[in-house]
C-alpha atoms as a PDB file:
ATOM      1  CA  MET A   1      16.372  37.790  36.631  1.00  0.00           C
ATOM      2  CA  ALA A   2      17.685  36.221  39.845  1.00  0.00           C
ATOM      3  CA  LEU A   3      18.052  32.451  39.855  1.00  0.00           C
ATOM      4  CA  ASP A   4      15.723  30.466  42.095  1.00  0.00           C
ATOM      5  CA  ARG A   5      18.248  28.637  44.284  1.00  0.00           C
ATOM      6  CA  ARG A   6      15.516  26.589  45.933  1.00  0.00           C
ATOM      7  CA  ALA A   7      15.073  24.550  42.745  1.00  0.00           C
ATOM      8  CA  ALA A   8      18.557  23.060  43.158  1.00  0.00           C
ATOM      9  CA  GLU A   9      18.335  22.474  46.900  1.00  0.00           C
ATOM     10  CA  ILE A  10      16.983  19.980  49.395  1.00  0.00           C
ATOM     11  CA  PRO A  11      15.822  22.152  52.312  1.00  0.00           C
ATOM     12  CA  SER A  12      17.499  20.038  54.987  1.00  0.00           C
ATOM     13  CA  LYS A  13      20.719  19.545  53.023  1.00  0.00           C
ATOM     14  CA  GLY A  14      21.187  22.733  51.041  1.00  0.00           C
ATOM     15  CA  ARG A  15      22.503  23.147  47.540  1.00  0.00           C
ATOM     16  CA  LEU A  16      23.946  20.256  45.541  1.00  0.00           C
ATOM     17  CA  GLN A  17      27.737  20.600  45.396  1.00  0.00           C
ATOM     18  CA  GLU A  18      28.973  17.604  43.422  1.00  0.00           C
ATOM     19  CA  ILE A  19      28.187  14.114  42.178  1.00  0.00           C
ATOM     20  CA  VAL A  20      30.546  11.243  42.983  1.00  0.00           C
ATOM     21  CA  VAL A  21      30.606   7.870  41.240  1.00  0.00           C
ATOM     22  CA  ASP A  22      31.905   5.294  43.718  1.00  0.00           C
ATOM     23  CA  ARG A  23      32.862   1.978  42.132  1.00  0.00           C
ATOM     24  CA  GLY A  24      34.868   0.525  45.017  1.00  0.00           C
ATOM     25  CA  ALA A  25      36.241  -2.917  44.209  1.00  0.00           C
ATOM     26  CA  ASN A  26      34.742  -4.616  47.251  1.00  0.00           C
ATOM     27  CA  LYS A  27      31.323  -3.040  47.392  1.00  0.00           C
ATOM     28  CA  HIS A  28      28.296  -2.235  45.288  1.00  0.00           C
ATOM     29  CA  PRO A  29      28.741   0.887  43.094  1.00  0.00           C
ATOM     30  CA  PHE A  30      26.814   4.000  44.106  1.00  0.00           C
ATOM     31  CA  LEU A  31      26.035   7.409  42.697  1.00  0.00           C
ATOM     32  CA  THR A  32      26.413   9.911  45.531  1.00  0.00           C
ATOM     33  CA  PHE A  33      25.004  13.433  45.589  1.00  0.00           C
ATOM     34  CA  VAL A  34      26.937  15.698  47.975  1.00  0.00           C
ATOM     35  CA  PHE A  35      25.163  18.745  49.436  1.00  0.00           C
ATOM     36  CA  GLU A  36      26.258  21.915  51.218  1.00  0.00           C
ATOM     37  CA  SER A  37      25.500  20.358  54.578  1.00  0.00           C
ATOM     38  CA  GLY A  38      28.085  17.683  53.844  1.00  0.00           C
ATOM     39  CA  GLU A  39      25.378  15.056  54.129  1.00  0.00           C
ATOM     40  CA  PRO A  40      25.406  12.811  51.041  1.00  0.00           C
ATOM     41  CA  ARG A  41      22.535  11.024  49.361  1.00  0.00           C
ATOM     42  CA  SER A  42      23.509   7.788  47.606  1.00  0.00           C
ATOM     43  CA  ILE A  43      21.596   5.627  45.150  1.00  0.00           C
ATOM     44  CA  PRO A  44      22.754   2.266  43.766  1.00  0.00           C
ATOM     45  CA  ILE A  45      24.168   1.932  40.256  1.00  0.00           C
ATOM     46  CA  LEU A  46      22.600  -1.236  38.866  1.00  0.00           C
ATOM     47  CA  SER A  47      23.593  -2.959  35.618  1.00  0.00           C
ATOM     48  CA  VAL A  48      20.985  -4.361  33.272  1.00  0.00           C
ATOM     49  CA  ARG A  49      23.724  -6.729  32.050  1.00  0.00           C
ATOM     50  CA  ASP A  50      24.198  -8.366  35.465  1.00  0.00           C
ATOM     51  CA  PRO A  51      21.546 -11.090  36.028  1.00  0.00           C
ATOM     52  CA  ASN A  52      22.082 -10.875  39.785  1.00  0.00           C
ATOM     53  CA  GLN A  53      20.814  -7.295  39.700  1.00  0.00           C
ATOM     54  CA  HIS A  54      17.638  -7.882  37.664  1.00  0.00           C
ATOM     55  CA  GLY A  55      15.591  -8.291  40.827  1.00  0.00           C
ATOM     56  CA  ASP A  56      16.964  -5.039  42.256  1.00  0.00           C
ATOM     57  CA  ILE A  57      16.188  -3.195  39.022  1.00  0.00           C
ATOM     58  CA  ALA A  58      12.636  -4.536  38.885  1.00  0.00           C
ATOM     59  CA  ARG A  59      11.983  -3.587  42.504  1.00  0.00           C
ATOM     60  CA  ALA A  60      13.325  -0.075  41.944  1.00  0.00           C
ATOM     61  CA  ILE A  61      11.038   0.411  38.931  1.00  0.00           C
ATOM     62  CA  ALA A  62       8.044  -1.143  40.707  1.00  0.00           C
ATOM     63  CA  SER A  63       8.524   1.153  43.727  1.00  0.00           C
ATOM     64  CA  HIS A  64       6.545   3.914  41.952  1.00  0.00           C
ATOM     65  CA  LYS A  65       9.477   6.230  42.536  1.00  0.00           C
ATOM     66  CA  PRO A  66      11.689   7.789  39.829  1.00  0.00           C
ATOM     67  CA  VAL A  67      14.618   5.915  38.335  1.00  0.00           C
ATOM     68  CA  ILE A  68      17.328   6.984  35.899  1.00  0.00           C
ATOM     69  CA  PHE A  69      18.191   4.433  33.232  1.00  0.00           C
ATOM     70  CA  MET A  70      20.062   3.813  30.001  1.00  0.00           C
ATOM     71  CA  ALA A  71      18.023   2.228  27.220  1.00  0.00           C
ATOM     72  CA  GLY A  72      19.119   1.819  23.632  1.00  0.00           C
ATOM     73  CA  GLY A  73      21.665   4.627  23.739  1.00  0.00           C
ATOM     74  CA  VAL A  74      20.052   7.458  25.702  1.00  0.00           C
ATOM     75  CA  ILE A  75      19.721   8.243  29.421  1.00  0.00           C
ATOM     76  CA  GLY A  76      16.053   8.226  30.401  1.00  0.00           C
ATOM     77  CA  ALA A  77      13.888   9.018  33.385  1.00  0.00           C
ATOM     78  CA  GLY A  78      11.153   6.609  34.387  1.00  0.00           C
ATOM     79  CA  ASN A  79       8.382   6.178  36.905  1.00  0.00           C
ATOM     80  CA  ALA A  80       5.768   3.446  37.380  1.00  0.00           C
ATOM     81  CA  VAL A  81       2.271   4.976  37.292  1.00  0.00           C
ATOM     82  CA  ARG A  82      -0.928   3.508  38.733  1.00  0.00           C
ATOM     83  CA  HIS A  83      -4.122   4.154  36.787  1.00  0.00           C
ATOM     84  CA  GLY A  84      -6.271   6.966  38.162  1.00  0.00           C
ATOM     85  CA  THR A  85      -3.538   8.487  40.336  1.00  0.00           C
ATOM     86  CA  ASP A  86      -1.593  11.700  39.808  1.00  0.00           C
ATOM     87  CA  GLY A  87       1.678   9.748  39.632  1.00  0.00           C
ATOM     88  CA  ALA A  88       2.249  10.743  36.016  1.00  0.00           C
ATOM     89  CA  ARG A  89       2.353  14.443  36.895  1.00  0.00           C
ATOM     90  CA  VAL A  90       6.001  14.015  37.833  1.00  0.00           C
ATOM     91  CA  PHE A  91       6.812  13.838  34.098  1.00  0.00           C
ATOM     92  CA  TRP A  92       5.412  17.327  33.505  1.00  0.00           C
ATOM     93  CA  ASP A  93       5.976  19.019  36.863  1.00  0.00           C
ATOM     94  CA  THR A  94       9.356  17.618  37.870  1.00  0.00           C
ATOM     95  CA  PHE A  95      11.134  15.635  35.151  1.00  0.00           C
ATOM     96  CA  LYS A  96      10.525  18.056  32.302  1.00  0.00           C
ATOM     97  CA  PRO A  97       8.790  21.319  33.263  1.00  0.00           C
ATOM     98  CA  GLY A  98       7.303  22.936  30.176  1.00  0.00           C
ATOM     99  CA  ARG A  99       6.466  19.624  28.484  1.00  0.00           C
ATOM    100  CA  PRO A 100       3.263  20.218  26.451  1.00  0.00           C
ATOM    101  CA  GLU A 101       0.194  18.612  27.996  1.00  0.00           C
ATOM    102  CA  THR A 102      -0.529  17.062  24.575  1.00  0.00           C
ATOM    103  CA  SER A 103       2.833  15.253  24.616  1.00  0.00           C
ATOM    104  CA  LYS A 104       1.754  11.967  26.193  1.00  0.00           C
ATOM    105  CA  LEU A 105       4.133   9.414  27.642  1.00  0.00           C
ATOM    106  CA  PRO A 106       5.701   6.361  26.043  1.00  0.00           C
ATOM    107  CA  MET A 107       5.733   3.293  28.269  1.00  0.00           C
ATOM    108  CA  MET A 108       7.921   0.227  28.545  1.00  0.00           C
ATOM    109  CA  VAL A 109       5.671  -2.824  28.349  1.00  0.00           C
ATOM    110  CA  ALA A 110       6.599  -6.492  28.013  1.00  0.00           C
ATOM    111  CA  GLN A 111       5.411  -8.175  24.815  1.00  0.00           C
ATOM    112  CA  GLU A 112       2.899 -10.458  26.558  1.00  0.00           C
ATOM    113  CA  LYS A 113       1.281  -7.457  28.279  1.00  0.00           C
ATOM    114  CA  GLN A 114       0.865  -5.417  25.093  1.00  0.00           C
ATOM    115  CA  TYR A 115      -2.014  -7.480  23.707  1.00  0.00           C
ATOM    116  CA  GLU A 116      -4.565  -6.206  26.227  1.00  0.00           C
ATOM    117  CA  ILE A 117      -3.581  -2.569  25.612  1.00  0.00           C
ATOM    118  CA  ILE A 118      -4.095  -2.630  21.820  1.00  0.00           C
ATOM    119  CA  ASP A 119      -7.447  -2.308  20.012  1.00  0.00           C
ATOM    120  CA  TRP A 120      -6.887  -4.902  17.303  1.00  0.00           C
ATOM    121  CA  SER A 121     -10.253  -4.135  15.667  1.00  0.00           C
ATOM    122  CA  LYS A 122      -8.774  -0.828  14.477  1.00  0.00           C
ATOM    123  CA  VAL A 123      -5.504  -2.271  13.121  1.00  0.00           C
ATOM    124  CA  HIS A 124      -5.127  -2.667   9.351  1.00  0.00           C
ATOM    125  CA  GLU A 125      -5.984  -6.194   8.216  1.00  0.00           C
ATOM    126  CA  ASP A 126      -2.484  -6.768   6.813  1.00  0.00           C
ATOM    127  CA  PHE A 127      -0.988  -6.152  10.260  1.00  0.00           C
ATOM    128  CA  LYS A 128      -3.388  -8.166  12.426  1.00  0.00           C
ATOM    129  CA  PHE A 129      -0.889 -11.014  12.502  1.00  0.00           C
ATOM    130  CA  LEU A 130       0.859  -8.889  15.143  1.00  0.00           C
ATOM    131  CA  LYS A 131      -1.822 -10.016  17.617  1.00  0.00           C
ATOM    132  CA  SER A 132       0.494 -12.968  18.205  1.00  0.00           C
ATOM    133  CA  GLY A 133       3.123 -11.997  20.786  1.00  0.00           C
ATOM    134  CA  PRO A 134       5.876 -14.155  19.254  1.00  0.00           C
ATOM    135  CA  LYS A 135       5.118 -12.823  15.755  1.00  0.00           C
ATOM    136  CA  ARG A 136       5.142  -9.270  17.089  1.00  0.00           C
ATOM    137  CA  ALA A 137       8.513  -9.896  18.731  1.00  0.00           C
ATOM    138  CA  ASP A 138       9.918 -11.425  15.536  1.00  0.00           C
ATOM    139  CA  PHE A 139       8.540  -8.580  13.405  1.00  0.00           C
ATOM    140  CA  PHE A 140      10.400  -5.817  15.239  1.00  0.00           C
ATOM    141  CA  GLY A 141      13.208  -8.018  16.521  1.00  0.00           C
ATOM    142  CA  GLN A 142      15.843  -6.150  18.483  1.00  0.00           C
ATOM    143  CA  LEU A 143      15.333  -2.751  16.923  1.00  0.00           C
ATOM    144  CA  PRO A 144      15.292  -0.129  19.721  1.00  0.00           C
ATOM    145  CA  MET A 145      12.058   1.661  18.770  1.00  0.00           C
ATOM    146  CA  HIS A 146       8.823   3.099  20.093  1.00  0.00           C
ATOM    147  CA  VAL A 147       5.803   1.535  18.389  1.00  0.00           C
ATOM    148  CA  ILE A 148       2.400   3.277  18.362  1.00  0.00           C
ATOM    149  CA  TYR A 149      -0.847   1.288  18.364  1.00  0.00           C
ATOM    150  CA  PRO A 150      -4.580   2.106  18.673  1.00  0.00           C
ATOM    151  CA  HIS A 151      -5.596   1.991  22.338  1.00  0.00           C
ATOM    152  CA  ASN A 152      -8.113  -0.513  23.652  1.00  0.00           C
ATOM    153  CA  SER A 153     -10.812   1.432  25.526  1.00  0.00           C
ATOM    154  CA  TYR A 154     -11.429  -1.598  27.769  1.00  0.00           C
ATOM    155  CA  ASP A 155      -7.912  -1.319  29.160  1.00  0.00           C
ATOM    156  CA  ARG A 156      -8.291  -0.317  32.825  1.00  0.00           C
ATOM    157  CA  VAL A 157      -4.606  -0.217  33.748  1.00  0.00           C
ATOM    158  CA  THR A 158      -3.193   2.418  31.424  1.00  0.00           C
ATOM    159  CA  ASP A 159      -3.516   5.959  32.797  1.00  0.00           C
ATOM    160  CA  ARG A 160      -4.733   8.824  30.571  1.00  0.00           C
ATOM    161  CA  ALA A 161      -1.224  10.275  30.674  1.00  0.00           C
ATOM    162  CA  PHE A 162      -0.178   7.538  28.222  1.00  0.00           C
ATOM    163  CA  ILE A 163      -3.088   7.924  25.783  1.00  0.00           C
ATOM    164  CA  THR A 164      -2.698  10.293  22.819  1.00  0.00           C
ATOM    165  CA  GLU A 165      -6.050  11.619  21.638  1.00  0.00           C
ATOM    166  CA  PRO A 166      -6.615  12.560  17.978  1.00  0.00           C
ATOM    167  CA  SER A 167      -6.797  16.225  19.042  1.00  0.00           C
ATOM    168  CA  ASP A 168      -3.266  15.966  20.493  1.00  0.00           C
ATOM    169  CA  MET A 169      -1.959  15.277  16.970  1.00  0.00           C
ATOM    170  CA  ALA A 170      -4.082  17.831  15.107  1.00  0.00           C
ATOM    171  CA  GLN A 171      -1.075  19.888  14.003  1.00  0.00           C
ATOM    172  CA  GLU A 172       1.021  16.934  12.838  1.00  0.00           C
ATOM    173  CA  HIS A 173       1.592  15.727   9.268  1.00  0.00           C
ATOM    174  CA  GLU A 174      -1.370  13.828   7.825  1.00  0.00           C
ATOM    175  CA  ILE A 175       0.691  10.645   7.430  1.00  0.00           C
ATOM    176  CA  ILE A 176       1.263  10.286  11.173  1.00  0.00           C
ATOM    177  CA  ARG A 177      -2.064  11.641  12.484  1.00  0.00           C
ATOM    178  CA  ALA A 178      -4.420   8.988  13.834  1.00  0.00           C
ATOM    179  CA  ASN A 179      -8.198   9.339  14.077  1.00  0.00           C
ATOM    180  CA  VAL A 180      -8.385   7.128  17.170  1.00  0.00           C
ATOM    181  CA  PRO A 181      -6.682   7.230  20.605  1.00  0.00           C
ATOM    182  CA  THR A 182      -3.226   5.659  20.528  1.00  0.00           C
ATOM    183  CA  VAL A 183      -0.509   4.490  22.917  1.00  0.00           C
ATOM    184  CA  CYS A 184       3.250   4.411  22.407  1.00  0.00           C
ATOM    185  CA  MET A 185       5.176   1.387  23.697  1.00  0.00           C
ATOM    186  CA  TYR A 186       8.897   0.690  23.845  1.00  0.00           C
ATOM    187  CA  PHE A 187      10.183  -2.828  24.174  1.00  0.00           C
ATOM    188  CA  GLN A 188      12.893  -4.502  22.134  1.00  0.00           C
ATOM    189  CA  ARG A 189      13.670  -8.200  22.203  1.00  0.00           C
ATOM    190  CA  ASP A 190      16.527  -7.948  24.689  1.00  0.00           C
ATOM    191  CA  SER A 191      16.790 -11.007  26.952  1.00  0.00           C
ATOM    192  CA  ASP A 192      17.903  -9.003  29.990  1.00  0.00           C
ATOM    193  CA  TRP A 193      15.099  -6.424  29.768  1.00  0.00           C
ATOM    194  CA  VAL A 194      12.620  -9.246  29.059  1.00  0.00           C
ATOM    195  CA  LYS A 195      13.550 -10.905  32.372  1.00  0.00           C
ATOM    196  CA  ILE A 196      13.333  -7.601  34.228  1.00  0.00           C
ATOM    197  CA  ALA A 197       9.919  -6.886  32.700  1.00  0.00           C
ATOM    198  CA  HIS A 198       8.595 -10.240  33.898  1.00  0.00           C
ATOM    199  CA  ILE A 199       9.656  -9.447  37.469  1.00  0.00           C
ATOM    200  CA  ILE A 200       8.152  -5.944  37.293  1.00  0.00           C
ATOM    201  CA  GLY A 201       4.869  -7.562  36.236  1.00  0.00           C
ATOM    202  CA  GLU A 202       4.895  -9.602  39.438  1.00  0.00           C
ATOM    203  CA  TYR A 203       5.663  -6.609  41.670  1.00  0.00           C
ATOM    204  CA  ALA A 204       3.403  -3.997  40.008  1.00  0.00           C
ATOM    205  CA  PRO A 205       0.749  -5.686  37.823  1.00  0.00           C
ATOM    206  CA  TRP A 206      -1.587  -2.665  37.946  1.00  0.00           C
ATOM    207  CA  SER A 207       0.937  -0.066  36.839  1.00  0.00           C
ATOM    208  CA  ARG A 208       2.616   1.092  33.644  1.00  0.00           C
ATOM    209  CA  PHE A 209       6.263   2.147  33.481  1.00  0.00           C
ATOM    210  CA  GLY A 210       6.330   5.630  31.948  1.00  0.00           C
ATOM    211  CA  ILE A 211       9.536   6.800  30.317  1.00  0.00           C
ATOM    212  CA  THR A 212      11.051   9.941  28.830  1.00  0.00           C
ATOM    213  CA  SER A 213      14.507  11.162  27.927  1.00  0.00           C
ATOM    214  CA  CYS A 214      16.341  12.612  30.914  1.00  0.00           C
ATOM    215  CA  ASN A 215      16.733  16.200  29.779  1.00  0.00           C
ATOM    216  CA  GLU A 216      15.438  19.679  30.327  1.00  0.00           C
ATOM    217  CA  LYS A 217      12.876  20.634  27.678  1.00  0.00           C
ATOM    218  CA  GLY A 218      14.665  22.038  24.658  1.00  0.00           C
ATOM    219  CA  LYS A 219      18.059  20.584  25.636  1.00  0.00           C
ATOM    220  CA  LYS A 220      19.811  17.454  24.414  1.00  0.00           C
ATOM    221  CA  PRO A 221      19.556  14.471  26.765  1.00  0.00           C
ATOM    222  CA  PRO A 222      22.697  12.894  28.220  1.00  0.00           C
ATOM    223  CA  PHE A 223      23.988   9.787  26.469  1.00  0.00           C
ATOM    224  CA  SER A 224      26.403   8.580  29.164  1.00  0.00           C
ATOM    225  CA  LEU A 225      26.835   8.717  32.935  1.00  0.00           C
ATOM    226  CA  ALA A 226      29.478  11.446  32.566  1.00  0.00           C
ATOM    227  CA  GLU A 227      27.114  13.547  30.448  1.00  0.00           C
ATOM    228  CA  PHE A 228      24.345  12.958  32.996  1.00  0.00           C
ATOM    229  CA  GLU A 229      26.557  14.272  35.810  1.00  0.00           C
ATOM    230  CA  ALA A 230      27.548  17.324  33.755  1.00  0.00           C
ATOM    231  CA  ASP A 231      23.938  18.074  32.832  1.00  0.00           C
ATOM    232  CA  VAL A 232      22.744  17.902  36.446  1.00  0.00           C
ATOM    233  CA  MET A 233      25.500  20.246  37.618  1.00  0.00           C
ATOM    234  CA  ARG A 234      24.767  22.653  34.757  1.00  0.00           C
ATOM    235  CA  ARG A 235      21.168  22.867  35.919  1.00  0.00           C
ATOM    236  CA  VAL A 236      22.301  23.432  39.485  1.00  0.00           C
ATOM    237  CA  GLY A 237      24.374  26.373  38.281  1.00  0.00           C
ATOM    238  CA  GLU A 238      21.334  27.795  36.505  1.00  0.00           C
ATOM    239  CA  GLY A 239      19.058  27.304  39.518  1.00  0.00           C
ATOM    240  CA  LYS A 240      16.949  24.702  37.710  1.00  0.00           C
ATOM    241  CA  THR A 241      15.277  21.678  39.238  1.00  0.00           C
ATOM    242  CA  VAL A 242      17.485  18.603  39.759  1.00  0.00           C
ATOM    243  CA  TRP A 243      14.988  15.911  40.644  1.00  0.00           C
ATOM    244  CA  GLU A 244      17.680  13.240  40.125  1.00  0.00           C
ATOM    245  CA  ALA A 245      19.340  14.312  43.370  1.00  0.00           C
ATOM    246  CA  THR A 246      16.148  14.517  45.374  1.00  0.00           C
ATOM    247  CA  GLN A 247      13.901  11.695  44.171  1.00  0.00           C
ATOM    248  CA  ALA A 248      15.548   8.977  42.048  1.00  0.00           C
ATOM    249  CA  VAL A 249      16.037   5.641  43.829  1.00  0.00           C
ATOM    250  CA  ALA A 250      18.439   4.001  41.355  1.00  0.00           C
ATOM    251  CA  TYR A 251      20.659   4.586  38.352  1.00  0.00           C
ATOM    252  CA  ILE A 252      20.280   1.692  35.881  1.00  0.00           C
ATOM    253  CA  GLU A 253      23.217   1.440  33.505  1.00  0.00           C
ATOM    254  CA  ASP A 254      23.906  -0.509  30.330  1.00  0.00           C
ATOM    255  CA  PRO A 255      27.711  -0.628  29.925  1.00  0.00           C
ATOM    256  CA  ILE A 256      27.465  -2.066  26.420  1.00  0.00           C
ATOM    257  CA  ALA A 257      25.096   0.619  25.112  1.00  0.00           C
ATOM    258  CA  GLU A 258      27.246   3.339  26.665  1.00  0.00           C
ATOM    259  CA  GLU A 259      30.399   1.857  25.120  1.00  0.00           C
ATOM    260  CA  ILE A 260      28.918   1.644  21.605  1.00  0.00           C
ATOM    261  CA  GLY A 261      27.558   5.176  21.769  1.00  0.00           C
ATOM    262  CA  VAL A 262      24.463   5.151  19.557  1.00  0.00           C
ATOM    263  CA  ALA A 263      23.677   8.338  21.484  1.00  0.00           C
ATOM    264  CA  SER A 264      20.181   9.123  20.247  1.00  0.00           C
ATOM    265  CA  SER A 265      16.598   9.097  21.458  1.00  0.00           C
ATOM    266  CA  GLN A 266      14.475   6.398  19.848  1.00  0.00           C
ATOM    267  CA  SER A 267      12.753   6.146  16.482  1.00  0.00           C
ATOM    268  CA  GLN A 268       8.945   6.022  16.570  1.00  0.00           C
ATOM    269  CA  VAL A 269       6.635   4.246  14.112  1.00  0.00           C
ATOM    270  CA  ARG A 270       2.863   3.857  14.041  1.00  0.00           C
ATOM    271  CA  ILE A 271       1.030   0.709  12.997  1.00  0.00           C
ATOM    272  CA  PRO A 272      -1.421   1.415  10.110  1.00  0.00           C
ATOM    273  CA  LEU A 273      -5.121   1.630  10.882  1.00  0.00           C
ATOM    274  CA  LYS A 274      -8.099   0.354   8.915  1.00  0.00           C
ATOM    275  CA  GLY A 275      -8.619   2.503   5.837  1.00  0.00           C
ATOM    276  CA  GLU A 276      -4.978   3.604   5.665  1.00  0.00           C
ATOM    277  CA  ARG A 277      -2.254   2.376   3.344  1.00  0.00           C
ATOM    278  CA  PRO A 278      -0.685  -0.820   4.749  1.00  0.00           C
ATOM    279  CA  THR A 279       2.613   0.863   5.645  1.00  0.00           C
ATOM    280  CA  LEU A 280       4.397   1.717   8.865  1.00  0.00           C
ATOM    281  CA  LYS A 281       4.255   5.463   9.554  1.00  0.00           C
ATOM    282  CA  LEU A 282       7.520   7.075  10.686  1.00  0.00           C
ATOM    283  CA  VAL A 283       6.526   9.491  13.461  1.00  0.00           C
ATOM    284  CA  ARG A 284      10.084  10.286  14.571  1.00  0.00           C
ATOM    285  CA  HIS A 285      13.424   9.468  12.974  1.00  0.00           C
ATOM    286  CA  GLY A 286      15.831   8.181  15.602  1.00  0.00           C
ATOM    287  CA  PRO A 287      18.874   5.922  15.288  1.00  0.00           C
ATOM    288  CA  VAL A 288      16.890   3.293  13.351  1.00  0.00           C
ATOM    289  CA  SER A 289      16.390   4.458   9.759  1.00  0.00           C
ATOM    290  CA  PRO A 290      13.403   3.635   7.522  1.00  0.00           C
ATOM    291  CA  ARG A 291      15.777   1.425   5.534  1.00  0.00           C
ATOM    292  CA  LEU A 292      16.694  -0.672   8.584  1.00  0.00           C
ATOM    293  CA  ILE A 293      13.042  -0.841   9.681  1.00  0.00           C
ATOM    294  CA  LYS A 294      12.076  -2.241   6.273  1.00  0.00           C
ATOM    295  CA  ALA A 295      15.019  -4.660   6.306  1.00  0.00           C
ATOM    296  CA  GLN A 296      13.872  -6.053   9.677  1.00  0.00           C
ATOM    297  CA  THR A 297      10.089  -6.024   9.200  1.00  0.00           C
ATOM    298  CA  GLY A 298       9.681  -6.352   5.438  1.00  0.00           C
ATOM    299  CA  ALA A 299       7.092  -3.558   5.597  1.00  0.00           C
ATOM    300  CA  ASP A 300       7.226  -0.329   3.616  1.00  0.00           C
ATOM    301  CA  VAL A 301       7.734   2.807   5.693  1.00  0.00           C
ATOM    302  CA  GLU A 302       5.966   6.107   4.942  1.00  0.00           C
ATOM    303  CA  VAL A 303       7.907   9.213   5.890  1.00  0.00           C
ATOM    304  CA  PRO A 304       6.270  12.661   6.311  1.00  0.00           C
ATOM    305  CA  SER A 305       7.414  14.827   3.396  1.00  0.00           C
ATOM    306  CA  ASP A 306       6.555  18.121   1.711  1.00  0.00           C
ATOM    307  CA  GLU A 307       5.070  18.541  -1.771  1.00  0.00           C
ATOM    308  CA  ASN A 308       8.546  18.215  -3.286  1.00  0.00           C
ATOM    309  CA  GLY A 309       9.243  14.923  -1.575  1.00  0.00           C
ATOM    310  CA  ASN A 310      11.641  16.373   0.996  1.00  0.00           C
ATOM    311  CA  TRP A 311      11.406  14.727   4.398  1.00  0.00           C
ATOM    312  CA  THR A 312       9.739  16.816   7.076  1.00  0.00           C
ATOM    313  CA  VAL A 313       9.806  14.066   9.710  1.00  0.00           C
ATOM    314  CA  LYS A 314      10.982  15.080  13.181  1.00  0.00           C
ATOM    315  CA  PHE A 315      14.429  13.841  14.164  1.00  0.00           C
ATOM    316  CA  SER A 316      15.109  12.714  17.708  1.00  0.00           C
ATOM    317  CA  GLU A 317      17.780  14.388  19.810  1.00  0.00           C
ATOM    318  CA  ARG A 318      21.188  12.865  19.071  1.00  0.00           C
ATOM    319  CA  ARG A 319      24.859  13.529  19.672  1.00  0.00           C
ATOM    320  CA  VAL A 320      25.719  13.778  15.957  1.00  0.00           C
ATOM    321  CA  GLY A 321      24.033  15.513  13.030  1.00  0.00           C
ATOM    322  CA  ASN A 322      20.842  14.263  11.386  1.00  0.00           C
ATOM    323  CA  ASP A 323      22.821  13.424   8.232  1.00  0.00           C
ATOM    324  CA  ILE A 324      24.831  10.726  10.037  1.00  0.00           C
ATOM    325  CA  ASP A 325      23.517   7.178   9.559  1.00  0.00           C
ATOM    326  CA  LEU A 326      23.388   5.348  12.901  1.00  0.00           C
ATOM    327  CA  ASP A 327      22.149   1.979  11.581  1.00  0.00           C
ATOM    328  CA  MET A 328      25.576   0.341  11.819  1.00  0.00           C
ATOM    329  CA  LEU A 329      25.992   1.424  15.443  1.00  0.00           C
ATOM    330  CA  VAL A 330      22.519   0.072  16.285  1.00  0.00           C
ATOM    331  CA  GLN A 331      23.415  -3.278  14.719  1.00  0.00           C
ATOM    332  CA  LEU A 332      26.804  -3.370  16.448  1.00  0.00           C
ATOM    333  CA  GLN A 333      25.146  -2.657  19.798  1.00  0.00           C
ATOM    334  CA  THR A 334      22.727  -5.544  19.246  1.00  0.00           C
ATOM    335  CA  GLN A 335      25.535  -7.921  18.279  1.00  0.00           C
ATOM    336  CA  LYS A 336      27.590  -7.019  21.358  1.00  0.00           C
ATOM    337  CA  ILE A 337      24.622  -7.417  23.693  1.00  0.00           C
ATOM    338  CA  ASN A 338      23.766 -10.812  22.202  1.00  0.00           C
ATOM    339  CA  ALA A 339      27.386 -11.976  22.457  1.00  0.00           C
ATOM    340  CA  HIS A 340      27.584 -10.829  26.074  1.00  0.00           C
ATOM    341  CA  ILE A 341      24.401 -12.667  27.041  1.00  0.00           C
ATOM    342  CA  ALA A 342      25.433 -15.816  25.158  1.00  0.00           C
ATOM    343  CA  GLY A 343      28.858 -15.749  26.780  1.00  0.00           C
ATOM    344  CA  ARG A 344      27.611 -15.694  30.345  1.00  0.00           C
ATOM    345  CA  SER A 345      28.061 -18.945  32.207  1.00  0.00           C
ATOM    346  CA  LYS A 346      25.051 -21.242  31.883  1.00  0.00           C
ATOM    347  CA  ASN A 347      25.562 -22.143  35.513  1.00  0.00           C
ATOM    348  CA  HIS A 348      25.389 -18.505  36.637  1.00  0.00           C
ATOM    349  CA  ARG A 349      23.021 -18.325  39.601  1.00  0.00           C
ATOM    350  CA  ILE A 350      20.479 -15.544  39.365  1.00  0.00           C
ATOM    351  CA  ASP A 351      19.369 -14.099  42.679  1.00  0.00           C
ATOM    352  CA  PHE A 352      15.913 -12.648  41.967  1.00  0.00           C
ATOM    353  CA  ALA A 353      15.441 -11.619  45.581  1.00  0.00           C
ATOM    354  CA  GLY A 354      17.777  -8.665  45.061  1.00  0.00           C
ATOM    355  CA  ARG A 355      20.765  -7.552  47.078  1.00  0.00           C
ATOM    356  CA  VAL A 356      20.418  -3.807  47.414  1.00  0.00           C
ATOM    357  CA  ALA A 357      17.802  -2.092  49.542  1.00  0.00           C
ATOM    358  CA  ILE A 358      15.753   0.368  47.478  1.00  0.00           C
END
C-alpha cells in the first residue's frame, strides 16, 4: 500500500526533512522543524526547572494549543480543553489516531482544584480524609502517579472526554471496575509544577489540561528529546501524521527527569468507593510499584490477579522489561528535583510575565 505523504507534510512547506535542536549560548533554545521548502518552523524549548520560564510554560498550556512535555519520565502530549467544545478530539484524531473512544483522558489538575471535580459522597469512608487538599498532597507525596476518583456530576468545567463511564470499563478486571463515572488526575507534589499550575488557573480557569503519552498507538513513547526526534522522523518515513511539527507551540523539558531516566508511563490507582474494600486499586503498573505506594500512603494496594494469584495488571510502556523494579529511580529523581529546587538562590527573581512569545 502506498504511503500517504500528505500526513507528514504542511501544504505550504512540504515534507518534514529534519529536526534541529538549537541551544545557542546567547539565545533562548528552540526546537526547529525544517521542511522541503527550506522554511523552518521553530518552537521554544522551555524548562520546568527554570522559575523564569514558568510563566511561559503556563501561557503555552493555557493557549488551548498542543504542547509537548516531559513529566515524571515520559514525553507527553497535552492540550487545554474547554468544556463543551470539540477541543479534546485532537487526542483521538491527531495525537493518537486509533485510540479507543472508551479510553478517556487523564488530566493534570492542581491539588486545590481537584476538590470540586470529585464526588466525595461516593468515596469509601476510610478515605474521606482526602477531602482536605493538604492531606491529599501528603498522602500521595511526590509519587508520579495518576489517581482515579468518582466524578462529581455538578462539575461544569470537565469535558466528557475526561469522564470514564462504567460501560467504558466493562471488560476490565473486577478489582478496577467502578460502578460510577470516574476521572483520572495526575499531579505530584513538585514545587515547580505547583507554581505553573497556579498560573494556568489564572489564564484558563474554565479549562482542563488533557494529557497523554506522546506516541503512536501501539508504539512505545519517547523518554527523551533524542528519542522524540527519532520517533517523529520514523513516522515521517512511514507517511504517518506528525502533529508535533504542525501544531505544537512549545516543548517543555525536565532536564533532571531526562537525566535520571525513569523512562516509563505513569502508574494508575483508583480510590476505593463505598461498599468496596478500603484498599487502593492498581489500575496500571508504572514505575511506582505497589510496595512503594503502600510505603508512601500506608494503604494496602489490590492488584488484579488470576485465580492462581498471578498478577494480570496492565503494565505501562517503559524502556526496560516489566521485571525491572523502577522504585529506586523514582526516589532518586525526587531527591534530585528537591535538591535542585532547594539549591536555587532565594533571591532569584521570577518573571511571571514570560519572555518568549507563544
